[in-house]
Amino acid sequence: MPRVVEYVTTPNPHALKCVLDVPVAGLGGASAEKVRSYREAGAAGDDALAVKLFAIAGVRNVLIAGPWITVGKAESATWKTLKPAIEAALA
């Protein structure tokens, strides 16, 4: 399973890029390079990783792009509480 090796801030204070040690494999035979973007939990469908990330309280959107993911959060959520939950979702 991928592991976060670095968190990178973005111009948006409510979005955080998570650099992974290995690319995230696609679903249903999709390549790891395929970008998957979801603006809400209902759009994640059968994307298991996106569903796990949206299950975290405070996660509002998810971008999965092979060797990294970007998570968007609610204004009330804190990165201090979200980072461990993101790592658990990847495990």
PDB file of N, CA and C in Angstrom:
ATOM      1  N   MET A   1       0.840  -1.184   0.000  1.00  0.00           N
ATOM      2  CA  MET A   1       0.000   0.000   0.000  1.00  0.00           C
ATOM      3  C   MET A   1       0.884   1.247   0.000  1.00  0.00           C
ATOM      4  N   PRO A   2       0.420   2.289  -0.652  1.00  0.00           N
ATOM      5  CA  PRO A   2       1.203   3.530  -0.671  1.00  0.00           C
ATOM      6  C   PRO A   2       1.293   4.157   0.722  1.00  0.00           C
ATOM      7  N   ARG A   3       2.348   4.918   0.906  1.00  0.00           N
ATOM      8  CA  ARG A   3       2.577   5.622   2.161  1.00  0.00           C
ATOM      9  C   ARG A   3       2.943   7.057   1.830  1.00  0.00           C
ATOM     10  N   VAL A   4       2.440   8.005   2.631  1.00  0.00           N
ATOM     11  CA  VAL A   4       2.761   9.417   2.421  1.00  0.00           C
ATOM     12  C   VAL A   4       4.210   9.653   2.844  1.00  0.00           C
ATOM     13  N   VAL A   5       5.008  10.207   1.937  1.00  0.00           N
ATOM     14  CA  VAL A   5       6.400  10.537   2.262  1.00  0.00           C
ATOM     15  C   VAL A   5       6.601  12.034   2.427  1.00  0.00           C
ATOM     16  N   GLU A   6       5.645  12.825   1.939  1.00  0.00           N
ATOM     17  CA  GLU A   6       5.770  14.277   2.056  1.00  0.00           C
ATOM     18  C   GLU A   6       4.402  14.915   1.869  1.00  0.00           C
ATOM     19  N   TYR A   7       4.142  15.944   2.657  1.00  0.00           N
ATOM     20  CA  TYR A   7       2.962  16.779   2.476  1.00  0.00           C
ATOM     21  C   TYR A   7       3.429  18.091   1.869  1.00  0.00           C
ATOM     22  N   VAL A   8       2.747  18.522   0.806  1.00  0.00           N
ATOM     23  CA  VAL A   8       3.121  19.748   0.118  1.00  0.00           C
ATOM     24  C   VAL A   8       1.929  20.704   0.163  1.00  0.00           C
ATOM     25  N   THR A   9       2.172  21.904   0.669  1.00  0.00           N
ATOM     26  CA  THR A   9       1.098  22.889   0.697  1.00  0.00           C
ATOM     27  C   THR A   9       0.804  23.360  -0.721  1.00  0.00           C
ATOM     28  N   THR A  10      -0.389  23.852  -0.902  1.00  0.00           N
ATOM     29  CA  THR A  10      -0.817  24.366  -2.198  1.00  0.00           C
ATOM     30  C   THR A  10      -1.238  25.830  -1.995  1.00  0.00           C
ATOM     31  N   PRO A  11      -1.456  26.564  -3.064  1.00  0.00           N
ATOM     32  CA  PRO A  11      -1.938  27.939  -2.900  1.00  0.00           C
ATOM     33  C   PRO A  11      -3.277  28.003  -2.154  1.00  0.00           C
ATOM     34  N   ASN A  12      -4.031  26.927  -2.210  1.00  0.00           N
ATOM     35  CA  ASN A  12      -5.305  26.838  -1.496  1.00  0.00           C
ATOM     36  C   ASN A  12      -5.039  26.282  -0.098  1.00  0.00           C
ATOM     37  N   PRO A  13      -5.275  27.051   0.968  1.00  0.00           N
ATOM     38  CA  PRO A  13      -5.002  26.552   2.317  1.00  0.00           C
ATOM     39  C   PRO A  13      -5.896  25.391   2.727  1.00  0.00           C
ATOM     40  N   HIS A  14      -6.939  25.119   1.938  1.00  0.00           N
ATOM     41  CA  HIS A  14      -7.844  24.016   2.241  1.00  0.00           C
ATOM     42  C   HIS A  14      -7.563  22.786   1.378  1.00  0.00           C
ATOM     43  N   ALA A  15      -6.406  22.756   0.725  1.00  0.00           N
ATOM     44  CA  ALA A  15      -6.003  21.608  -0.085  1.00  0.00           C
ATOM     45  C   ALA A  15      -4.558  21.261   0.245  1.00  0.00           C
ATOM     46  N   LEU A  16      -4.273  19.971   0.305  1.00  0.00           N
ATOM     47  CA  LEU A  16      -2.936  19.501   0.648  1.00  0.00           C
ATOM     48  C   LEU A  16      -2.557  18.365  -0.292  1.00  0.00           C
ATOM     49  N   LYS A  17      -1.391  18.479  -0.898  1.00  0.00           N
ATOM     50  CA  LYS A  17      -0.870  17.434  -1.783  1.00  0.00           C
ATOM     51  C   LYS A  17      -0.096  16.431  -0.937  1.00  0.00           C
ATOM     52  N   CYS A  18      -0.397  15.166  -1.118  1.00  0.00           N
ATOM     53  CA  CYS A  18       0.255  14.080  -0.385  1.00  0.00           C
ATOM     54  C   CYS A  18       1.087  13.285  -1.383  1.00  0.00           C
ATOM     55  N   VAL A  19       2.403  13.405  -1.286  1.00  0.00           N
ATOM     56  CA  VAL A  19       3.305  12.679  -2.177  1.00  0.00           C
ATOM     57  C   VAL A  19       3.492  11.279  -1.604  1.00  0.00           C
ATOM     58  N   LEU A  20       3.359  10.275  -2.456  1.00  0.00           N
ATOM     59  CA  LEU A  20       3.390   8.871  -2.020  1.00  0.00           C
ATOM     60  C   LEU A  20       4.694   8.192  -2.404  1.00  0.00           C
ATOM     61  N   ASP A  21       5.017   7.127  -1.682  1.00  0.00           N
ATOM     62  CA  ASP A  21       6.246   6.381  -1.984  1.00  0.00           C
ATOM     63  C   ASP A  21       6.093   5.484  -3.205  1.00  0.00           C
ATOM     64  N   VAL A  22       4.878   5.076  -3.526  1.00  0.00           N
ATOM     65  CA  VAL A  22       4.592   4.291  -4.733  1.00  0.00           C
ATOM     66  C   VAL A  22       3.297   4.812  -5.344  1.00  0.00           C
ATOM     67  N   PRO A  23       3.152   4.716  -6.654  1.00  0.00           N
ATOM     68  CA  PRO A  23       1.915   5.194  -7.279  1.00  0.00           C
ATOM     69  C   PRO A  23       0.693   4.413  -6.811  1.00  0.00           C
ATOM     70  N   VAL A  24      -0.431   5.080  -6.810  1.00  0.00           N
ATOM     71  CA  VAL A  24      -1.699   4.444  -6.479  1.00  0.00           C
ATOM     72  C   VAL A  24      -2.167   3.687  -7.713  1.00  0.00           C
ATOM     73  N   ALA A  25      -2.463   2.431  -7.552  1.00  0.00           N
ATOM     74  CA  ALA A  25      -2.950   1.620  -8.661  1.00  0.00           C
ATOM     75  C   ALA A  25      -4.373   2.036  -9.013  1.00  0.00           C
ATOM     76  N   GLY A  26      -4.701   1.987 -10.291  1.00  0.00           N
ATOM     77  CA  GLY A  26      -6.056   2.299 -10.722  1.00  0.00           C
ATOM     78  C   GLY A  26      -7.004   1.153 -10.418  1.00  0.00           C
ATOM     79  N   LEU A  27      -8.265   1.403 -10.580  1.00  0.00           N
ATOM     80  CA  LEU A  27      -9.288   0.389 -10.353  1.00  0.00           C
ATOM     81  C   LEU A  27      -9.690  -0.253 -11.667  1.00  0.00           C
ATOM     82  N   GLY A  28     -10.096  -1.492 -11.594  1.00  0.00           N
ATOM     83  CA  GLY A  28     -10.605  -2.164 -12.771  1.00  0.00           C
ATOM     84  C   GLY A  28      -9.621  -2.212 -13.915  1.00  0.00           C
ATOM     85  N   GLY A  29      -8.332  -2.306 -13.603  1.00  0.00           N
ATOM     86  CA  GLY A  29      -7.319  -2.386 -14.631  1.00  0.00           C
ATOM     87  C   GLY A  29      -6.834  -1.045 -15.136  1.00  0.00           C
ATOM     88  N   ALA A  30      -7.375   0.046 -14.599  1.00  0.00           N
ATOM     89  CA  ALA A  30      -6.915   1.372 -15.026  1.00  0.00           C
ATOM     90  C   ALA A  30      -5.464   1.556 -14.612  1.00  0.00           C
ATOM     91  N   SER A  31      -4.723   2.279 -15.398  1.00  0.00           N
ATOM     92  CA  SER A  31      -3.313   2.487 -15.079  1.00  0.00           C
ATOM     93  C   SER A  31      -3.157   3.420 -13.900  1.00  0.00           C
ATOM     94  N   ALA A  32      -2.020   3.338 -13.246  1.00  0.00           N
ATOM     95  CA  ALA A  32      -1.738   4.197 -12.102  1.00  0.00           C
ATOM     96  C   ALA A  32      -1.629   5.660 -12.524  1.00  0.00           C
ATOM     97  N   GLU A  33      -1.399   5.915 -13.806  1.00  0.00           N
ATOM     98  CA  GLU A  33      -1.244   7.283 -14.282  1.00  0.00           C
ATOM     99  C   GLU A  33      -2.583   7.983 -14.504  1.00  0.00           C
ATOM    100  N   LYS A  34      -3.663   7.232 -14.506  1.00  0.00           N
ATOM    101  CA  LYS A  34      -4.976   7.828 -14.766  1.00  0.00           C
ATOM    102  C   LYS A  34      -5.366   8.751 -13.601  1.00  0.00           C
ATOM    103  N   VAL A  35      -5.664   9.994 -13.921  1.00  0.00           N
ATOM    104  CA  VAL A  35      -6.073  10.966 -12.910  1.00  0.00           C
ATOM    105  C   VAL A  35      -7.565  10.776 -12.616  1.00  0.00           C
ATOM    106  N   ARG A  36      -7.864  10.735 -11.319  1.00  0.00           N
ATOM    107  CA  ARG A  36      -9.254  10.582 -10.878  1.00  0.00           C
ATOM    108  C   ARG A  36      -9.576  11.752  -9.958  1.00  0.00           C
ATOM    109  N   SER A  37     -10.592  12.523 -10.318  1.00  0.00           N
ATOM    110  CA  SER A  37     -10.951  13.716  -9.560  1.00  0.00           C
ATOM    111  C   SER A  37     -12.409  13.636  -9.138  1.00  0.00           C
ATOM    112  N   TYR A  38     -12.650  13.878  -7.839  1.00  0.00           N
ATOM    113  CA  TYR A  38     -13.997  13.809  -7.299  1.00  0.00           C
ATOM    114  C   TYR A  38     -14.270  15.048  -6.456  1.00  0.00           C
ATOM    115  N   ARG A  39     -15.332  15.761  -6.784  1.00  0.00           N
ATOM    116  CA  ARG A  39     -15.697  16.977  -6.041  1.00  0.00           C
ATOM    117  C   ARG A  39     -16.634  16.680  -4.882  1.00  0.00           C
ATOM    118  N   GLU A  40     -17.151  15.453  -4.824  1.00  0.00           N
ATOM    119  CA  GLU A  40     -18.046  15.060  -3.735  1.00  0.00           C
ATOM    120  C   GLU A  40     -18.026  13.543  -3.596  1.00  0.00           C
ATOM    121  N   ALA A  41     -18.420  13.086  -2.419  1.00  0.00           N
ATOM    122  CA  ALA A  41     -18.364  11.653  -2.116  1.00  0.00           C
ATOM    123  C   ALA A  41     -19.198  10.820  -3.081  1.00  0.00           C
ATOM    124  N   GLY A  42     -20.359  11.317  -3.462  1.00  0.00           N
ATOM    125  CA  GLY A  42     -21.231  10.554  -4.344  1.00  0.00           C
ATOM    126  C   GLY A  42     -20.634  10.276  -5.708  1.00  0.00           C
ATOM    127  N   ALA A  43     -19.683  11.075  -6.126  1.00  0.00           N
ATOM    128  CA  ALA A  43     -19.057  10.897  -7.432  1.00  0.00           C
ATOM    129  C   ALA A  43     -17.978   9.820  -7.418  1.00  0.00           C
ATOM    130  N   ALA A  44     -17.533   9.401  -6.241  1.00  0.00           N
ATOM    131  CA  ALA A  44     -16.429   8.440  -6.129  1.00  0.00           C
ATOM    132  C   ALA A  44     -16.802   7.051  -6.620  1.00  0.00           C
ATOM    133  N   GLY A  45     -18.080   6.733  -6.637  1.00  0.00           N
ATOM    134  CA  GLY A  45     -18.533   5.438  -7.151  1.00  0.00           C
ATOM    135  C   GLY A  45     -17.833   4.265  -6.514  1.00  0.00           C
ATOM    136  N   ASP A  46     -17.161   3.443  -7.351  1.00  0.00           N
ATOM    137  CA  ASP A  46     -16.488   2.243  -6.847  1.00  0.00           C
ATOM    138  C   ASP A  46     -14.979   2.440  -6.673  1.00  0.00           C
ATOM    139  N   ASP A  47     -14.534   3.683  -6.618  1.00  0.00           N
ATOM    140  CA  ASP A  47     -13.118   3.970  -6.385  1.00  0.00           C
ATOM    141  C   ASP A  47     -12.850   3.801  -4.886  1.00  0.00           C
ATOM    142  N   ALA A  48     -12.308   2.663  -4.512  1.00  0.00           N
ATOM    143  CA  ALA A  48     -12.155   2.297  -3.102  1.00  0.00           C
ATOM    144  C   ALA A  48     -11.350   3.321  -2.303  1.00  0.00           C
ATOM    145  N   LEU A  49     -10.272   3.825  -2.876  1.00  0.00           N
ATOM    146  CA  LEU A  49      -9.455   4.799  -2.147  1.00  0.00           C
ATOM    147  C   LEU A  49     -10.222   6.099  -1.940  1.00  0.00           C
ATOM    148  N   ALA A  50     -10.877   6.579  -2.963  1.00  0.00           N
ATOM    149  CA  ALA A  50     -11.651   7.819  -2.829  1.00  0.00           C
ATOM    150  C   ALA A  50     -12.753   7.658  -1.793  1.00  0.00           C
ATOM    151  N   VAL A  51     -13.420   6.516  -1.794  1.00  0.00           N
ATOM    152  CA  VAL A  51     -14.479   6.258  -0.813  1.00  0.00           C
ATOM    153  C   VAL A  51     -13.897   6.297   0.598  1.00  0.00           C
ATOM    154  N   LYS A  52     -12.723   5.693   0.801  1.00  0.00           N
ATOM    155  CA  LYS A  52     -12.079   5.722   2.123  1.00  0.00           C
ATOM    156  C   LYS A  52     -11.727   7.147   2.530  1.00  0.00           C
ATOM    157  N   LEU A  53     -11.225   7.928   1.592  1.00  0.00           N
ATOM    158  CA  LEU A  53     -10.853   9.307   1.909  1.00  0.00           C
ATOM    159  C   LEU A  53     -12.083  10.152   2.230  1.00  0.00           C
ATOM    160  N   PHE A  54     -13.154   9.976   1.479  1.00  0.00           N
ATOM    161  CA  PHE A  54     -14.376  10.731   1.752  1.00  0.00           C
ATOM    162  C   PHE A  54     -15.028  10.309   3.064  1.00  0.00           C
ATOM    163  N   ALA A  55     -14.728   9.130   3.545  1.00  0.00           N
ATOM    164  CA  ALA A  55     -15.276   8.681   4.827  1.00  0.00           C
ATOM    165  C   ALA A  55     -14.661   9.438   6.002  1.00  0.00           C
ATOM    166  N   ILE A  56     -13.578  10.151   5.753  1.00  0.00           N
ATOM    167  CA  ILE A  56     -12.918  10.944   6.790  1.00  0.00           C
ATOM    168  C   ILE A  56     -13.715  12.245   6.974  1.00  0.00           C
ATOM    169  N   ALA A  57     -14.117  12.507   8.197  1.00  0.00           N
ATOM    170  CA  ALA A  57     -14.864  13.728   8.482  1.00  0.00           C
ATOM    171  C   ALA A  57     -14.030  14.947   8.102  1.00  0.00           C
ATOM    172  N   GLY A  58     -14.603  15.810   7.297  1.00  0.00           N
ATOM    173  CA  GLY A  58     -13.923  17.034   6.891  1.00  0.00           C
ATOM    174  C   GLY A  58     -13.361  17.006   5.486  1.00  0.00           C
ATOM    175  N   VAL A  59     -13.271  15.835   4.853  1.00  0.00           N
ATOM    176  CA  VAL A  59     -12.766  15.756   3.477  1.00  0.00           C
ATOM    177  C   VAL A  59     -13.884  16.179   2.528  1.00  0.00           C
ATOM    178  N   ARG A  60     -13.582  17.116   1.637  1.00  0.00           N
ATOM    179  CA  ARG A  60     -14.576  17.661   0.716  1.00  0.00           C
ATOM    180  C   ARG A  60     -14.340  17.287  -0.743  1.00  0.00           C
ATOM    181  N   ASN A  61     -13.086  17.082  -1.156  1.00  0.00           N
ATOM    182  CA  ASN A  61     -12.805  16.680  -2.536  1.00  0.00           C
ATOM    183  C   ASN A  61     -11.475  15.946  -2.568  1.00  0.00           C
ATOM    184  N   VAL A  62     -11.303  15.159  -3.628  1.00  0.00           N
ATOM    185  CA  VAL A  62     -10.136  14.282  -3.741  1.00  0.00           C
ATOM    186  C   VAL A  62      -9.665  14.258  -5.190  1.00  0.00           C
ATOM    187  N   LEU A  63      -8.355  14.363  -5.363  1.00  0.00           N
ATOM    188  CA  LEU A  63      -7.717  14.213  -6.668  1.00  0.00           C
ATOM    189  C   LEU A  63      -6.644  13.149  -6.510  1.00  0.00           C
ATOM    190  N   ILE A  64      -6.753  12.071  -7.281  1.00  0.00           N
ATOM    191  CA  ILE A  64      -5.804  10.961  -7.207  1.00  0.00           C
ATOM    192  C   ILE A  64      -5.058  10.924  -8.535  1.00  0.00           C
ATOM    193  N   ALA A  65      -3.732  11.031  -8.462  1.00  0.00           N
ATOM    194  CA  ALA A  65      -2.938  11.109  -9.692  1.00  0.00           C
ATOM    195  C   ALA A  65      -1.659  10.299  -9.560  1.00  0.00           C
ATOM    196  N   GLY A  66      -1.770   8.985  -9.551  1.00  0.00           N
ATOM    197  CA  GLY A  66      -0.598   8.123  -9.531  1.00  0.00           C
ATOM    198  C   GLY A  66       0.270   8.285  -8.307  1.00  0.00           C
ATOM    199  N   PRO A  67       1.371   9.047  -8.408  1.00  0.00           N
ATOM    200  CA  PRO A  67       2.311   9.139  -7.293  1.00  0.00           C
ATOM    201  C   PRO A  67       1.928  10.165  -6.228  1.00  0.00           C
ATOM    202  N   TRP A  68       0.749  10.764  -6.343  1.00  0.00           N
ATOM    203  CA  TRP A  68       0.311  11.716  -5.319  1.00  0.00           C
ATOM    204  C   TRP A  68      -1.205  11.817  -5.313  1.00  0.00           C
ATOM    205  N   ILE A  69      -1.727  12.301  -4.181  1.00  0.00           N
ATOM    206  CA  ILE A  69      -3.141  12.616  -4.067  1.00  0.00           C
ATOM    207  C   ILE A  69      -3.252  14.020  -3.470  1.00  0.00           C
ATOM    208  N   THR A  70      -4.296  14.708  -3.813  1.00  0.00           N
ATOM    209  CA  THR A  70      -4.581  15.989  -3.183  1.00  0.00           C
ATOM    210  C   THR A  70      -5.943  15.873  -2.526  1.00  0.00           C
ATOM    211  N   VAL A  71      -5.978  16.289  -1.272  1.00  0.00           N
ATOM    212  CA  VAL A  71      -7.212  16.237  -0.493  1.00  0.00           C
ATOM    213  C   VAL A  71      -7.638  17.667  -0.177  1.00  0.00           C
ATOM    214  N   GLY A  72      -8.910  17.959  -0.427  1.00  0.00           N
ATOM    215  CA  GLY A  72      -9.486  19.240  -0.048  1.00  0.00           C
ATOM    216  C   GLY A  72     -10.313  19.052   1.209  1.00  0.00           C
ATOM    217  N   LYS A  73     -10.252  20.033   2.107  1.00  0.00           N
ATOM    218  CA  LYS A  73     -10.938  19.893   3.385  1.00  0.00           C
ATOM    219  C   LYS A  73     -11.960  20.999   3.594  1.00  0.00           C
ATOM    220  N   ALA A  74     -12.854  20.749   4.540  1.00  0.00           N
ATOM    221  CA  ALA A  74     -13.797  21.771   4.980  1.00  0.00           C
ATOM    222  C   ALA A  74     -13.020  22.815   5.768  1.00  0.00           C
ATOM    223  N   GLU A  75     -13.515  24.022   5.776  1.00  0.00           N
ATOM    224  CA  GLU A  75     -12.839  25.102   6.493  1.00  0.00           C
ATOM    225  C   GLU A  75     -12.672  24.780   7.972  1.00  0.00           C
ATOM    226  N   SER A  76     -13.635  24.091   8.551  1.00  0.00           N
ATOM    227  CA  SER A  76     -13.588  23.775   9.984  1.00  0.00           C
ATOM    228  C   SER A  76     -12.629  22.639  10.335  1.00  0.00           C
ATOM    229  N   ALA A  77     -12.215  21.845   9.361  1.00  0.00           N
ATOM    230  CA  ALA A  77     -11.311  20.715   9.612  1.00  0.00           C
ATOM    231  C   ALA A  77      -9.868  21.211   9.731  1.00  0.00           C
ATOM    232  N   THR A  78      -9.043  20.442  10.439  1.00  0.00           N
ATOM    233  CA  THR A  78      -7.626  20.806  10.585  1.00  0.00           C
ATOM    234  C   THR A  78      -6.746  19.724   9.975  1.00  0.00           C
ATOM    235  N   TRP A  79      -5.624  20.156   9.430  1.00  0.00           N
ATOM    236  CA  TRP A  79      -4.680  19.188   8.855  1.00  0.00           C
ATOM    237  C   TRP A  79      -4.091  18.305   9.945  1.00  0.00           C
ATOM    238  N   LYS A  80      -3.982  18.817  11.151  1.00  0.00           N
ATOM    239  CA  LYS A  80      -3.441  18.039  12.269  1.00  0.00           C
ATOM    240  C   LYS A  80      -4.264  16.765  12.496  1.00  0.00           C
ATOM    241  N   THR A  81      -5.576  16.858  12.359  1.00  0.00           N
ATOM    242  CA  THR A  81      -6.414  15.670  12.534  1.00  0.00           C
ATOM    243  C   THR A  81      -6.592  14.886  11.235  1.00  0.00           C
ATOM    244  N   LEU A  82      -6.541  15.565  10.100  1.00  0.00           N
ATOM    245  CA  LEU A  82      -6.753  14.877   8.826  1.00  0.00           C
ATOM    246  C   LEU A  82      -5.557  14.044   8.376  1.00  0.00           C
ATOM    247  N   LYS A  83      -4.347  14.520   8.609  1.00  0.00           N
ATOM    248  CA  LYS A  83      -3.168  13.784   8.124  1.00  0.00           C
ATOM    249  C   LYS A  83      -3.118  12.340   8.623  1.00  0.00           C
ATOM    250  N   PRO A  84      -3.279  12.083   9.926  1.00  0.00           N
ATOM    251  CA  PRO A  84      -3.270  10.681  10.373  1.00  0.00           C
ATOM    252  C   PRO A  84      -4.404   9.854   9.765  1.00  0.00           C
ATOM    253  N   ALA A  85      -5.564  10.467   9.556  1.00  0.00           N
ATOM    254  CA  ALA A  85      -6.682   9.754   8.953  1.00  0.00           C
ATOM    255  C   ALA A  85      -6.417   9.421   7.481  1.00  0.00           C
ATOM    256  N   ILE A  86      -5.761  10.330   6.778  1.00  0.00           N
ATOM    257  CA  ILE A  86      -5.384  10.076   5.377  1.00  0.00           C
ATOM    258  C   ILE A  86      -4.390   8.921   5.324  1.00  0.00           C
ATOM    259  N   GLU A  87      -3.420   8.936   6.212  1.00  0.00           N
ATOM    260  CA  GLU A  87      -2.437   7.848   6.249  1.00  0.00           C
ATOM    261  C   GLU A  87      -3.107   6.512   6.562  1.00  0.00           C
ATOM    262  N   ALA A  88      -4.073   6.517   7.461  1.00  0.00           N
ATOM    263  CA  ALA A  88      -4.795   5.282   7.790  1.00  0.00           C
ATOM    264  C   ALA A  88      -5.597   4.787   6.599  1.00  0.00           C
ATOM    265  N   ALA A  89      -6.197   5.692   5.843  1.00  0.00           N
ATOM    266  CA  ALA A  89      -6.980   5.300   4.664  1.00  0.00           C
ATOM    267  C   ALA A  89      -6.103   4.654   3.597  1.00  0.00           C
ATOM    268  N   LEU A  90      -4.853   5.072   3.524  1.00  0.00           N
ATOM    269  CA  LEU A  90      -3.923   4.494   2.547  1.00  0.00           C
ATOM    270  C   LEU A  90      -3.387   3.133   2.973  1.00  0.00           C
ATOM    271  N   ALA A  91      -3.436   2.856   4.271  1.00  0.00           N
ATOM    272  CA  ALA A  91      -2.850   1.599   4.798  1.00  0.00           C
ATOM    273  C   ALA A  91      -3.693   0.398   4.467  1.00  0.00           C
TER     274      ALA A  91
END
